[in-house]
Amino acid sequence: MIRHASLCTPLLTCSLALAGCGADGTRATPFPNGASGSGGSSSESNGAGGARTWDLPDVTFHMDGKVLAGGESQSCQYVHMPSDRGEIAVPSAESTYTPGSHHFLVFRTNFTEIPDDGAIHECSVNDLLLNVSGTYYEAQQPETRRDLPPGVAHVFEPGEIILLTAHYLNATDQDLVTKVDFRMHTMPRKEVEQEAGSFFFYNYDINVPPQSKVSVTRTCPIPKDVNLALLWSHMHARGVGFIAVTSDDRAAERVGNLFETRDWSEPQARAFSYAPPVVLHAGTSITYTCDYDNPTSNTFTQGPSAATNEMCILHGMYWPRLPASVETCLNGTAD
């Protein structure tokens, strides 16, 4: 497996801790409202109306909490993968959460021991700047599932420590009870042909003045051939348009723009064909642009608050896995 150096991310200020959690590596009950449908066993979508199922336990985590009326929160919890099953191969994952969440994120870390005894706590600068080696999963809808092609999976070390973060914005005059369920479906490690990675392309250079319309663009180099599985966006409420394109002429001829949406709150991921896969070749790049419309008297800069900041992020899953510096566009340029 690729070892990653620490990654700095700009998701800084947070404001609430959820109350109570559960996490294990055993079979768990299906998601509420039948969202999982797996009954606790693992399956892999085969893209042809069926699924391949293994008699392996899912890995599940659960977070409960409450957001005060009119409040905004971002909570963090460190959890670990099972340590008694060897490397854990995850070809698909899904999440459900109560309405009100801005998004749910899962980061990979370099920790060897869980900080804070694994308690759910108010996110700090240290949580999101130190020992984070990349992202794995992101959801912006109450029910979300991310599937990879057959033979492709994210691979986790035994006992690997990951960071769960849940961001809620409660615009009502009533306290909001929150629940997040996260399920990772597993497959035999020996059946993994390619290890997957996750893109987290973040644009730091956002400044949207009062009464203005602004676009920001970032270009991220692709140093080795990669195959695209999924792409999707993340913006806040001033976002009115998002587009991602590639400089790879062959890929562009086949699929056009890589991703495009005008939906800032619940964008739908684009799933790419894998038979044959959509290849971005070494030496090409991905360029993505966010368009903003700010009719207010406030200035919005990059940051975590859905109410007072903006974001411009391209998320994705792909294979084979590349170093964190590529996955996070650390060598990218702002246009």
C-alpha atoms as a PDB file:
ATOM      1  CA  MET A   1       0.000   0.000   0.000  1.00  0.00           C
ATOM      2  CA  ILE A   2       1.035   3.614  -0.576  1.00  0.00           C
ATOM      3  CA  ARG A   3       2.104   5.405   2.569  1.00  0.00           C
ATOM      4  CA  HIS A   4       1.069   9.030   2.789  1.00  0.00           C
ATOM      5  CA  ALA A   5       2.666  12.014   4.426  1.00  0.00           C
ATOM      6  CA  SER A   6       0.599  14.389   6.539  1.00  0.00           C
ATOM      7  CA  LEU A   7      -1.800  16.560   4.595  1.00  0.00           C
ATOM      8  CA  CYS A   8      -2.859  20.090   5.520  1.00  0.00           C
ATOM      9  CA  THR A   9      -6.524  20.900   4.907  1.00  0.00           C
ATOM     10  CA  PRO A  10      -8.259  24.246   5.367  1.00  0.00           C
ATOM     11  CA  LEU A  11     -11.381  23.053   7.178  1.00  0.00           C
ATOM     12  CA  LEU A  12     -10.726  24.896  10.399  1.00  0.00           C
ATOM     13  CA  THR A  13     -13.375  26.275  12.729  1.00  0.00           C
ATOM     14  CA  CYS A  14     -16.039  24.020  14.261  1.00  0.00           C
ATOM     15  CA  SER A  15     -18.676  24.530  16.903  1.00  0.00           C
ATOM     16  CA  LEU A  16     -20.438  21.501  18.408  1.00  0.00           C
ATOM     17  CA  ALA A  17     -19.906  17.997  19.736  1.00  0.00           C
ATOM     18  CA  LEU A  18     -22.441  15.260  19.154  1.00  0.00           C
ATOM     19  CA  ALA A  19     -23.442  13.092  22.077  1.00  0.00           C
ATOM     20  CA  GLY A  20     -22.825   9.366  21.976  1.00  0.00           C
ATOM     21  CA  CYS A  21     -21.653   6.919  19.322  1.00  0.00           C
ATOM     22  CA  GLY A  22     -21.093   3.329  18.409  1.00  0.00           C
ATOM     23  CA  ALA A  23     -18.618   1.629  16.109  1.00  0.00           C
ATOM     24  CA  ASP A  24     -17.665  -1.957  15.473  1.00  0.00           C
ATOM     25  CA  GLY A  25     -16.425  -4.356  12.861  1.00  0.00           C
ATOM     26  CA  THR A  26     -19.249  -6.867  13.219  1.00  0.00           C
ATOM     27  CA  ARG A  27     -22.487  -7.375  11.363  1.00  0.00           C
ATOM     28  CA  ALA A  28     -24.935  -4.594  12.071  1.00  0.00           C
ATOM     29  CA  THR A  29     -28.617  -4.065  11.474  1.00  0.00           C
ATOM     30  CA  PRO A  30     -29.537  -2.544   8.111  1.00  0.00           C
ATOM     31  CA  PHE A  31     -29.796   1.207   7.747  1.00  0.00           C
ATOM     32  CA  PRO A  32     -33.004   2.918   8.917  1.00  0.00           C
ATOM     33  CA  ASN A  33     -35.804   2.999   6.326  1.00  0.00           C
ATOM     34  CA  GLY A  34     -34.160   0.121   4.466  1.00  0.00           C
ATOM     35  CA  ALA A  35     -31.496   2.362   2.930  1.00  0.00           C
ATOM     36  CA  SER A  36     -28.855  -0.347   3.040  1.00  0.00           C
ATOM     37  CA  GLY A  37     -30.831  -3.386   1.991  1.00  0.00           C
ATOM     38  CA  SER A  38     -27.750  -5.477   2.686  1.00  0.00           C
ATOM     39  CA  GLY A  39     -28.816  -7.104   5.911  1.00  0.00           C
ATOM     40  CA  GLY A  40     -25.276  -6.621   7.166  1.00  0.00           C
ATOM     41  CA  SER A  41     -23.479  -8.537   4.411  1.00  0.00           C
ATOM     42  CA  SER A  42     -21.222  -7.033   1.802  1.00  0.00           C
ATOM     43  CA  SER A  43     -22.006  -6.626  -1.880  1.00  0.00           C
ATOM     44  CA  GLU A  44     -20.389  -5.136  -4.961  1.00  0.00           C
ATOM     45  CA  SER A  45     -22.430  -3.546  -7.735  1.00  0.00           C
ATOM     46  CA  ASN A  46     -21.571  -5.106 -11.073  1.00  0.00           C
ATOM     47  CA  GLY A  47     -23.132  -2.357 -13.164  1.00  0.00           C
ATOM     48  CA  ALA A  48     -25.474  -4.793 -14.886  1.00  0.00           C
ATOM     49  CA  GLY A  49     -28.470  -4.765 -12.599  1.00  0.00           C
ATOM     50  CA  GLY A  50     -27.040  -7.218 -10.094  1.00  0.00           C
ATOM     51  CA  ALA A  51     -24.571  -7.447  -7.248  1.00  0.00           C
ATOM     52  CA  ARG A  52     -21.929  -9.858  -6.109  1.00  0.00           C
ATOM     53  CA  THR A  53     -22.275 -10.778  -2.448  1.00  0.00           C
ATOM     54  CA  TRP A  54     -19.675 -12.088  -0.019  1.00  0.00           C
ATOM     55  CA  ASP A  55     -20.292 -13.580   3.393  1.00  0.00           C
ATOM     56  CA  LEU A  56     -18.168 -10.900   5.052  1.00  0.00           C
ATOM     57  CA  PRO A  57     -19.135  -8.459   7.803  1.00  0.00           C
ATOM     58  CA  ASP A  58     -19.653  -4.809   7.046  1.00  0.00           C
ATOM     59  CA  VAL A  59     -17.777  -2.174   9.035  1.00  0.00           C
ATOM     60  CA  THR A  60     -20.251   0.247  10.618  1.00  0.00           C
ATOM     61  CA  PHE A  61     -20.124   3.465  12.611  1.00  0.00           C
ATOM     62  CA  HIS A  62     -22.880   5.531  14.216  1.00  0.00           C
ATOM     63  CA  MET A  63     -23.073   9.077  15.595  1.00  0.00           C
ATOM     64  CA  ASP A  64     -25.907  10.708  17.580  1.00  0.00           C
ATOM     65  CA  GLY A  65     -26.191  14.303  18.679  1.00  0.00           C
ATOM     66  CA  LYS A  66     -28.140  17.545  18.900  1.00  0.00           C
ATOM     67  CA  VAL A  67     -27.702  20.924  17.216  1.00  0.00           C
ATOM     68  CA  LEU A  68     -29.124  23.928  19.065  1.00  0.00           C
ATOM     69  CA  ALA A  69     -31.752  26.102  17.395  1.00  0.00           C
ATOM     70  CA  GLY A  70     -30.132  28.479  14.919  1.00  0.00           C
ATOM     71  CA  GLY A  71     -26.769  26.785  15.373  1.00  0.00           C
ATOM     72  CA  GLU A  72     -24.090  25.443  13.036  1.00  0.00           C
ATOM     73  CA  SER A  73     -21.903  22.514  14.003  1.00  0.00           C
ATOM     74  CA  GLN A  74     -19.031  20.396  12.812  1.00  0.00           C
ATOM     75  CA  SER A  75     -18.284  17.394  14.975  1.00  0.00           C
ATOM     76  CA  CYS A  76     -15.324  15.010  14.833  1.00  0.00           C
ATOM     77  CA  GLN A  77     -14.742  11.448  15.979  1.00  0.00           C
ATOM     78  CA  TYR A  78     -11.719   9.190  15.547  1.00  0.00           C
ATOM     79  CA  VAL A  79     -12.572   5.519  15.018  1.00  0.00           C
ATOM     80  CA  HIS A  80     -10.566   2.503  13.936  1.00  0.00           C
ATOM     81  CA  MET A  81     -11.015  -0.231  11.399  1.00  0.00           C
ATOM     82  CA  PRO A  82     -11.130  -3.827  12.673  1.00  0.00           C
ATOM     83  CA  SER A  83      -7.694  -5.054  13.679  1.00  0.00           C
ATOM     84  CA  ASP A  84      -8.352  -8.806  13.537  1.00  0.00           C
ATOM     85  CA  ARG A  85      -9.167  -9.278   9.848  1.00  0.00           C
ATOM     86  CA  GLY A  86      -5.983  -8.230   8.063  1.00  0.00           C
ATOM     87  CA  GLU A  87      -6.243  -5.527   5.423  1.00  0.00           C
ATOM     88  CA  ILE A  88      -9.851  -4.448   4.849  1.00  0.00           C
ATOM     89  CA  ALA A  89     -10.962  -4.058   1.216  1.00  0.00           C
ATOM     90  CA  VAL A  90     -13.958  -1.750   0.722  1.00  0.00           C
ATOM     91  CA  PRO A  91     -15.545  -1.718  -2.766  1.00  0.00           C
ATOM     92  CA  SER A  92     -18.573   0.350  -1.692  1.00  0.00           C
ATOM     93  CA  ALA A  93     -19.887   2.412   1.209  1.00  0.00           C
ATOM     94  CA  GLU A  94     -23.095   4.170   2.124  1.00  0.00           C
ATOM     95  CA  SER A  95     -24.367   6.662   4.654  1.00  0.00           C
ATOM     96  CA  THR A  96     -27.635   7.973   6.014  1.00  0.00           C
ATOM     97  CA  TYR A  97     -28.177  11.027   8.159  1.00  0.00           C
ATOM     98  CA  THR A  98     -31.041  13.069   9.492  1.00  0.00           C
ATOM     99  CA  PRO A  99     -31.956  16.159   7.423  1.00  0.00           C
ATOM    100  CA  GLY A 100     -30.016  19.302   8.249  1.00  0.00           C
ATOM    101  CA  SER A 101     -26.528  17.999   7.559  1.00  0.00           C
ATOM    102  CA  HIS A 102     -24.479  20.077   5.143  1.00  0.00           C
ATOM    103  CA  HIS A 103     -22.208  17.110   4.512  1.00  0.00           C
ATOM    104  CA  PHE A 104     -20.577  14.049   6.063  1.00  0.00           C
ATOM    105  CA  LEU A 105     -16.872  13.409   5.477  1.00  0.00           C
ATOM    106  CA  VAL A 106     -14.484  10.564   6.252  1.00  0.00           C
ATOM    107  CA  PHE A 107     -10.755  11.346   6.369  1.00  0.00           C
ATOM    108  CA  ARG A 108      -7.822   8.940   6.507  1.00  0.00           C
ATOM    109  CA  THR A 109      -5.151   9.693   9.118  1.00  0.00           C
ATOM    110  CA  ASN A 110      -1.587   8.828  10.130  1.00  0.00           C
ATOM    111  CA  PHE A 111      -2.509   8.251  13.782  1.00  0.00           C
ATOM    112  CA  THR A 112      -1.418   4.972  15.364  1.00  0.00           C
ATOM    113  CA  GLU A 113      -3.548   5.511  18.481  1.00  0.00           C
ATOM    114  CA  ILE A 114      -6.982   7.106  18.749  1.00  0.00           C
ATOM    115  CA  PRO A 115      -6.837  10.628  20.247  1.00  0.00           C
ATOM    116  CA  ASP A 116      -9.341  11.693  22.917  1.00  0.00           C
ATOM    117  CA  ASP A 117     -10.345   8.076  23.590  1.00  0.00           C
ATOM    118  CA  GLY A 118     -12.516   8.142  20.481  1.00  0.00           C
ATOM    119  CA  ALA A 119     -15.022  10.595  21.965  1.00  0.00           C
ATOM    120  CA  ILE A 120     -17.184  12.698  19.670  1.00  0.00           C
ATOM    121  CA  HIS A 121     -15.970  16.246  20.146  1.00  0.00           C
ATOM    122  CA  GLU A 122     -15.926  19.735  18.728  1.00  0.00           C
ATOM    123  CA  CYS A 123     -13.606  19.786  15.740  1.00  0.00           C
ATOM    124  CA  SER A 124     -10.370  21.685  16.245  1.00  0.00           C
ATOM    125  CA  VAL A 125      -7.638  22.998  13.991  1.00  0.00           C
ATOM    126  CA  ASN A 126      -5.506  20.009  14.989  1.00  0.00           C
ATOM    127  CA  ASP A 127      -8.190  17.544  13.897  1.00  0.00           C
ATOM    128  CA  LEU A 128      -8.324  18.915  10.376  1.00  0.00           C
ATOM    129  CA  LEU A 129      -4.743  20.095   9.878  1.00  0.00           C
ATOM    130  CA  LEU A 130      -2.578  17.474  11.562  1.00  0.00           C
ATOM    131  CA  ASN A 131      -2.178  13.789  10.783  1.00  0.00           C
ATOM    132  CA  VAL A 132      -4.820  13.808   8.030  1.00  0.00           C
ATOM    133  CA  SER A 133      -3.429  11.888   5.059  1.00  0.00           C
ATOM    134  CA  GLY A 134      -6.354  12.248   2.664  1.00  0.00           C
ATOM    135  CA  THR A 135     -10.071  11.744   2.295  1.00  0.00           C
ATOM    136  CA  TYR A 136     -12.049   8.597   1.659  1.00  0.00           C
ATOM    137  CA  TYR A 137     -15.795   9.383   1.494  1.00  0.00           C
ATOM    138  CA  GLU A 138     -18.131  12.375   1.291  1.00  0.00           C
ATOM    139  CA  ALA A 139     -21.922  12.697   1.218  1.00  0.00           C
ATOM    140  CA  GLN A 140     -24.235  15.683   0.825  1.00  0.00           C
ATOM    141  CA  GLN A 141     -27.562  13.848   0.724  1.00  0.00           C
ATOM    142  CA  PRO A 142     -29.479  12.076   3.537  1.00  0.00           C
ATOM    143  CA  GLU A 143     -28.992   8.762   1.702  1.00  0.00           C
ATOM    144  CA  THR A 144     -25.797   8.253  -0.309  1.00  0.00           C
ATOM    145  CA  ARG A 145     -23.926   5.263  -1.704  1.00  0.00           C
ATOM    146  CA  ARG A 146     -20.561   5.168  -3.481  1.00  0.00           C
ATOM    147  CA  ASP A 147     -19.783   2.032  -5.550  1.00  0.00           C
ATOM    148  CA  LEU A 148     -16.574   1.092  -7.316  1.00  0.00           C
ATOM    149  CA  PRO A 149     -16.202  -1.234 -10.339  1.00  0.00           C
ATOM    150  CA  PRO A 150     -15.648  -4.979  -9.858  1.00  0.00           C
ATOM    151  CA  GLY A 151     -12.165  -5.781  -8.587  1.00  0.00           C
ATOM    152  CA  VAL A 152     -11.525  -2.215  -7.387  1.00  0.00           C
ATOM    153  CA  ALA A 153     -11.583  -1.240  -3.707  1.00  0.00           C
ATOM    154  CA  HIS A 154     -10.156   1.136  -1.145  1.00  0.00           C
ATOM    155  CA  VAL A 155      -7.796  -0.809   1.122  1.00  0.00           C
ATOM    156  CA  PHE A 156      -7.418  -0.060   4.826  1.00  0.00           C
ATOM    157  CA  GLU A 157      -4.715  -1.306   7.173  1.00  0.00           C
ATOM    158  CA  PRO A 158      -5.725  -3.443  10.187  1.00  0.00           C
ATOM    159  CA  GLY A 159      -6.782  -1.033  12.926  1.00  0.00           C
ATOM    160  CA  GLU A 160      -6.304   2.025  10.668  1.00  0.00           C
ATOM    161  CA  ILE A 161      -7.639   5.167  12.331  1.00  0.00           C
ATOM    162  CA  ILE A 162     -10.070   7.280  10.339  1.00  0.00           C
ATOM    163  CA  LEU A 163     -11.759  10.566  11.188  1.00  0.00           C
ATOM    164  CA  LEU A 164     -15.531  11.017  10.850  1.00  0.00           C
ATOM    165  CA  THR A 165     -16.863  14.570  10.539  1.00  0.00           C
ATOM    166  CA  ALA A 166     -20.499  15.673  10.405  1.00  0.00           C
ATOM    167  CA  HIS A 167     -21.413  19.263   9.514  1.00  0.00           C
ATOM    168  CA  TYR A 168     -24.904  20.489  10.449  1.00  0.00           C
ATOM    169  CA  LEU A 169     -26.605  23.832   9.890  1.00  0.00           C
ATOM    170  CA  ASN A 170     -29.841  24.243  11.873  1.00  0.00           C
ATOM    171  CA  ALA A 171     -31.768  27.225  10.518  1.00  0.00           C
ATOM    172  CA  THR A 172     -34.895  26.445  12.561  1.00  0.00           C
ATOM    173  CA  ASP A 173     -36.046  27.742  15.958  1.00  0.00           C
ATOM    174  CA  GLN A 174     -36.057  24.200  17.390  1.00  0.00           C
ATOM    175  CA  ASP A 175     -33.154  22.028  18.549  1.00  0.00           C
ATOM    176  CA  LEU A 176     -32.270  19.377  15.971  1.00  0.00           C
ATOM    177  CA  VAL A 177     -31.625  15.757  16.978  1.00  0.00           C
ATOM    178  CA  THR A 178     -29.055  14.265  14.614  1.00  0.00           C
ATOM    179  CA  LYS A 179     -28.136  10.733  13.590  1.00  0.00           C
ATOM    180  CA  VAL A 180     -25.445   9.546  11.176  1.00  0.00           C
ATOM    181  CA  ASP A 181     -24.964   5.933  10.088  1.00  0.00           C
ATOM    182  CA  PHE A 182     -21.991   4.896   7.976  1.00  0.00           C
ATOM    183  CA  ARG A 183     -21.539   1.429   6.494  1.00  0.00           C
ATOM    184  CA  MET A 184     -18.504   0.116   4.625  1.00  0.00           C
ATOM    185  CA  HIS A 185     -19.111  -3.033   2.573  1.00  0.00           C
ATOM    186  CA  THR A 186     -16.139  -5.368   2.370  1.00  0.00           C
ATOM    187  CA  MET A 187     -14.734  -7.933  -0.042  1.00  0.00           C
ATOM    188  CA  PRO A 188     -11.905 -10.486   0.131  1.00  0.00           C
ATOM    189  CA  ARG A 189      -8.564  -8.685  -0.030  1.00  0.00           C
ATOM    190  CA  LYS A 190      -7.201 -11.316  -2.415  1.00  0.00           C
ATOM    191  CA  GLU A 191      -9.880 -10.419  -4.988  1.00  0.00           C
ATOM    192  CA  VAL A 192      -8.815  -6.756  -5.209  1.00  0.00           C
ATOM    193  CA  GLU A 193      -7.135  -6.187  -8.559  1.00  0.00           C
ATOM    194  CA  GLN A 194      -6.660  -2.424  -8.185  1.00  0.00           C
ATOM    195  CA  GLU A 195      -6.525  -0.218  -5.080  1.00  0.00           C
ATOM    196  CA  ALA A 196      -8.766   2.849  -5.313  1.00  0.00           C
ATOM    197  CA  GLY A 197      -8.030   6.373  -4.164  1.00  0.00           C
ATOM    198  CA  SER A 198     -10.134   9.483  -3.487  1.00  0.00           C
ATOM    199  CA  PHE A 199      -9.724  12.974  -4.929  1.00  0.00           C
ATOM    200  CA  PHE A 200     -10.118  16.015  -2.662  1.00  0.00           C
ATOM    201  CA  PHE A 201      -9.302  19.049  -4.804  1.00  0.00           C
ATOM    202  CA  TYR A 202      -9.752  22.169  -2.644  1.00  0.00           C
ATOM    203  CA  ASN A 203      -9.508  25.755  -3.905  1.00  0.00           C
ATOM    204  CA  TYR A 204      -8.078  28.065  -1.237  1.00  0.00           C
ATOM    205  CA  ASP A 205      -8.337  31.209  -3.376  1.00  0.00           C
ATOM    206  CA  ILE A 206     -11.955  32.291  -2.905  1.00  0.00           C
ATOM    207  CA  ASN A 207     -13.019  35.884  -2.386  1.00  0.00           C
ATOM    208  CA  VAL A 208     -16.578  36.869  -3.252  1.00  0.00           C
ATOM    209  CA  PRO A 209     -17.154  40.602  -2.588  1.00  0.00           C
ATOM    210  CA  PRO A 210     -20.573  42.105  -1.786  1.00  0.00           C
ATOM    211  CA  GLN A 211     -23.024  42.472  -4.670  1.00  0.00           C
ATOM    212  CA  SER A 212     -20.812  40.526  -7.070  1.00  0.00           C
ATOM    213  CA  LYS A 213     -20.629  37.552  -9.395  1.00  0.00           C
ATOM    214  CA  VAL A 214     -17.273  35.775  -9.265  1.00  0.00           C
ATOM    215  CA  SER A 215     -15.705  32.624 -10.720  1.00  0.00           C
ATOM    216  CA  VAL A 216     -12.695  30.788  -9.267  1.00  0.00           C
ATOM    217  CA  THR A 217     -10.690  28.118 -11.087  1.00  0.00           C
ATOM    218  CA  ARG A 218      -8.039  25.591 -10.070  1.00  0.00           C
ATOM    219  CA  THR A 219      -6.037  23.189 -12.237  1.00  0.00           C
ATOM    220  CA  CYS A 220      -4.751  19.893 -10.821  1.00  0.00           C
ATOM    221  CA  PRO A 221      -2.036  17.862 -12.590  1.00  0.00           C
ATOM    222  CA  ILE A 222      -2.421  14.126 -13.241  1.00  0.00           C
ATOM    223  CA  PRO A 223       1.133  12.671 -13.241  1.00  0.00           C
ATOM    224  CA  LYS A 224       0.180   9.044 -13.963  1.00  0.00           C
ATOM    225  CA  ASP A 225      -2.633   7.291 -15.808  1.00  0.00           C
ATOM    226  CA  VAL A 226      -5.810   7.034 -13.721  1.00  0.00           C
ATOM    227  CA  ASN A 227      -9.264   5.585 -14.340  1.00  0.00           C
ATOM    228  CA  LEU A 228     -12.264   7.637 -13.207  1.00  0.00           C
ATOM    229  CA  ALA A 229     -14.972   5.998 -11.112  1.00  0.00           C
ATOM    230  CA  LEU A 230     -16.964   8.923  -9.629  1.00  0.00           C
ATOM    231  CA  LEU A 231     -16.803  12.722  -9.529  1.00  0.00           C
ATOM    232  CA  TRP A 232     -18.939  15.254  -7.652  1.00  0.00           C
ATOM    233  CA  SER A 233     -18.742  18.812  -6.315  1.00  0.00           C
ATOM    234  CA  HIS A 234     -19.081  20.770  -3.088  1.00  0.00           C
ATOM    235  CA  MET A 235     -20.005  24.449  -2.710  1.00  0.00           C
ATOM    236  CA  HIS A 236     -22.002  26.639  -0.323  1.00  0.00           C
ATOM    237  CA  ALA A 237     -25.151  28.683  -0.900  1.00  0.00           C
ATOM    238  CA  ARG A 238     -23.582  31.391  -3.102  1.00  0.00           C
ATOM    239  CA  GLY A 239     -22.519  28.702  -5.567  1.00  0.00           C
ATOM    240  CA  VAL A 240     -24.581  28.815  -8.757  1.00  0.00           C
ATOM    241  CA  GLY A 241     -22.463  26.712 -11.101  1.00  0.00           C
ATOM    242  CA  PHE A 242     -19.671  24.111 -11.105  1.00  0.00           C
ATOM    243  CA  ILE A 243     -17.795  22.586 -14.019  1.00  0.00           C
ATOM    244  CA  ALA A 244     -14.792  20.247 -14.270  1.00  0.00           C
ATOM    245  CA  VAL A 245     -12.975  19.586 -17.544  1.00  0.00           C
ATOM    246  CA  THR A 246      -9.876  17.680 -18.613  1.00  0.00           C
ATOM    247  CA  SER A 247      -6.966  18.577 -20.875  1.00  0.00           C
ATOM    248  CA  ASP A 248      -6.911  14.935 -21.997  1.00  0.00           C
ATOM    249  CA  ASP A 249      -8.305  15.164 -25.542  1.00  0.00           C
ATOM    250  CA  ARG A 250      -9.126  11.460 -25.750  1.00  0.00           C
ATOM    251  CA  ALA A 251     -11.115  11.491 -22.501  1.00  0.00           C
ATOM    252  CA  ALA A 252     -12.849  14.759 -23.398  1.00  0.00           C
ATOM    253  CA  GLU A 253     -13.861  13.386 -26.788  1.00  0.00           C
ATOM    254  CA  ARG A 254     -15.393  10.368 -25.105  1.00  0.00           C
ATOM    255  CA  VAL A 255     -17.204  11.913 -22.111  1.00  0.00           C
ATOM    256  CA  GLY A 256     -17.261  15.696 -22.693  1.00  0.00           C
ATOM    257  CA  ASN A 257     -17.078  17.778 -19.529  1.00  0.00           C
ATOM    258  CA  LEU A 258     -16.077  15.573 -16.603  1.00  0.00           C
ATOM    259  CA  PHE A 259     -18.689  17.033 -14.258  1.00  0.00           C
ATOM    260  CA  GLU A 260     -21.207  19.886 -14.308  1.00  0.00           C
ATOM    261  CA  THR A 261     -23.959  21.045 -11.962  1.00  0.00           C
ATOM    262  CA  ARG A 262     -25.855  24.088 -10.738  1.00  0.00           C
ATOM    263  CA  ASP A 263     -26.932  22.369  -7.513  1.00  0.00           C
ATOM    264  CA  TRP A 264     -24.801  23.532  -4.570  1.00  0.00           C
ATOM    265  CA  SER A 265     -26.680  21.698  -1.807  1.00  0.00           C
ATOM    266  CA  GLU A 266     -27.148  18.114  -3.037  1.00  0.00           C
ATOM    267  CA  PRO A 267     -25.150  17.533  -6.239  1.00  0.00           C
ATOM    268  CA  GLN A 268     -25.495  14.119  -7.845  1.00  0.00           C
ATOM    269  CA  ALA A 269     -22.235  12.237  -8.425  1.00  0.00           C
ATOM    270  CA  ARG A 270     -21.322  11.242 -11.957  1.00  0.00           C
ATOM    271  CA  ALA A 271     -20.465   7.553 -12.350  1.00  0.00           C
ATOM    272  CA  PHE A 272     -18.134   6.728 -15.245  1.00  0.00           C
ATOM    273  CA  SER A 273     -18.211   3.632 -17.404  1.00  0.00           C
ATOM    274  CA  TYR A 274     -15.605   1.022 -16.572  1.00  0.00           C
ATOM    275  CA  ALA A 275     -16.002  -1.236 -19.606  1.00  0.00           C
ATOM    276  CA  PRO A 276     -13.735   0.175 -20.886  1.00  0.00           C
ATOM    277  CA  PRO A 277     -12.698   2.662 -18.189  1.00  0.00           C
ATOM    278  CA  VAL A 278     -12.383   6.413 -18.750  1.00  0.00           C
ATOM    279  CA  VAL A 279      -8.631   7.075 -18.576  1.00  0.00           C
ATOM    280  CA  LEU A 280      -6.932  10.373 -17.775  1.00  0.00           C
ATOM    281  CA  HIS A 281      -3.420   9.975 -19.126  1.00  0.00           C
ATOM    282  CA  ALA A 282      -0.173  10.991 -17.459  1.00  0.00           C
ATOM    283  CA  GLY A 283       0.751  14.605 -18.086  1.00  0.00           C
ATOM    284  CA  THR A 284      -2.838  15.835 -18.421  1.00  0.00           C
ATOM    285  CA  SER A 285      -4.842  17.784 -15.862  1.00  0.00           C
ATOM    286  CA  ILE A 286      -8.284  18.465 -14.391  1.00  0.00           C
ATOM    287  CA  THR A 287      -9.488  22.070 -14.283  1.00  0.00           C
ATOM    288  CA  TYR A 288     -12.551  22.923 -12.219  1.00  0.00           C
ATOM    289  CA  THR A 289     -14.444  26.198 -11.803  1.00  0.00           C
ATOM    290  CA  CYS A 290     -16.993  27.438  -9.274  1.00  0.00           C
ATOM    291  CA  ASP A 291     -19.341  30.325 -10.111  1.00  0.00           C
ATOM    292  CA  TYR A 292     -20.748  32.470  -7.287  1.00  0.00           C
ATOM    293  CA  ASP A 293     -23.542  35.032  -7.060  1.00  0.00           C
ATOM    294  CA  ASN A 294     -23.447  37.147  -3.905  1.00  0.00           C
ATOM    295  CA  PRO A 295     -26.398  39.579  -3.615  1.00  0.00           C
ATOM    296  CA  THR A 296     -25.579  40.394   0.022  1.00  0.00           C
ATOM    297  CA  SER A 297     -23.477  43.094   1.687  1.00  0.00           C
ATOM    298  CA  ASN A 298     -21.047  40.472   3.045  1.00  0.00           C
ATOM    299  CA  THR A 299     -17.749  39.204   1.677  1.00  0.00           C
ATOM    300  CA  PHE A 300     -17.331  35.411   1.500  1.00  0.00           C
ATOM    301  CA  THR A 301     -13.930  33.715   1.581  1.00  0.00           C
ATOM    302  CA  GLN A 302     -12.987  30.032   1.716  1.00  0.00           C
ATOM    303  CA  GLY A 303     -13.761  28.258   4.982  1.00  0.00           C
ATOM    304  CA  PRO A 304     -15.938  25.658   6.684  1.00  0.00           C
ATOM    305  CA  SER A 305     -19.037  27.627   7.638  1.00  0.00           C
ATOM    306  CA  ALA A 306     -21.961  27.048   5.294  1.00  0.00           C
ATOM    307  CA  ALA A 307     -23.416  30.343   6.524  1.00  0.00           C
ATOM    308  CA  THR A 308     -20.414  32.687   6.387  1.00  0.00           C
ATOM    309  CA  ASN A 309     -17.835  31.023   4.084  1.00  0.00           C
ATOM    310  CA  GLU A 310     -17.634  29.477   0.637  1.00  0.00           C
ATOM    311  CA  MET A 311     -16.018  26.340  -0.747  1.00  0.00           C
ATOM    312  CA  CYS A 312     -14.999  25.029  -4.150  1.00  0.00           C
ATOM    313  CA  ILE A 313     -14.146  21.327  -3.978  1.00  0.00           C
ATOM    314  CA  LEU A 314     -13.986  18.535  -6.533  1.00  0.00           C
ATOM    315  CA  HIS A 315     -14.458  15.131  -4.910  1.00  0.00           C
ATOM    316  CA  GLY A 316     -13.932  11.835  -6.652  1.00  0.00           C
ATOM    317  CA  MET A 317     -12.977   8.175  -6.574  1.00  0.00           C
ATOM    318  CA  TYR A 318     -10.577   6.597  -9.060  1.00  0.00           C
ATOM    319  CA  TRP A 319      -7.977   3.872  -9.510  1.00  0.00           C
ATOM    320  CA  PRO A 320      -5.090   3.042  -9.153  1.00  0.00           C
ATOM    321  CA  ARG A 321      -4.324   4.977  -5.977  1.00  0.00           C
ATOM    322  CA  LEU A 322      -1.825   7.857  -6.163  1.00  0.00           C
ATOM    323  CA  PRO A 323       0.084   9.736  -3.426  1.00  0.00           C
ATOM    324  CA  ALA A 324      -1.759  12.234  -1.217  1.00  0.00           C
ATOM    325  CA  SER A 325      -0.041  15.172  -2.910  1.00  0.00           C
ATOM    326  CA  VAL A 326      -1.845  14.260  -6.142  1.00  0.00           C
ATOM    327  CA  GLU A 327      -5.141  13.318  -4.500  1.00  0.00           C
ATOM    328  CA  THR A 328      -5.313  16.745  -2.852  1.00  0.00           C
ATOM    329  CA  CYS A 329      -3.957  18.849  -5.725  1.00  0.00           C
ATOM    330  CA  LEU A 330      -1.143  20.231  -3.574  1.00  0.00           C
ATOM    331  CA  ASN A 331       0.778  21.113  -6.749  1.00  0.00           C
ATOM    332  CA  GLY A 332      -2.218  22.703  -8.429  1.00  0.00           C
ATOM    333  CA  THR A 333      -2.491  26.247  -9.704  1.00  0.00           C
ATOM    334  CA  ALA A 334      -5.234  28.860  -9.387  1.00  0.00           C
ATOM    335  CA  ASP A 335      -6.269  30.619 -12.579  1.00  0.00           C
END
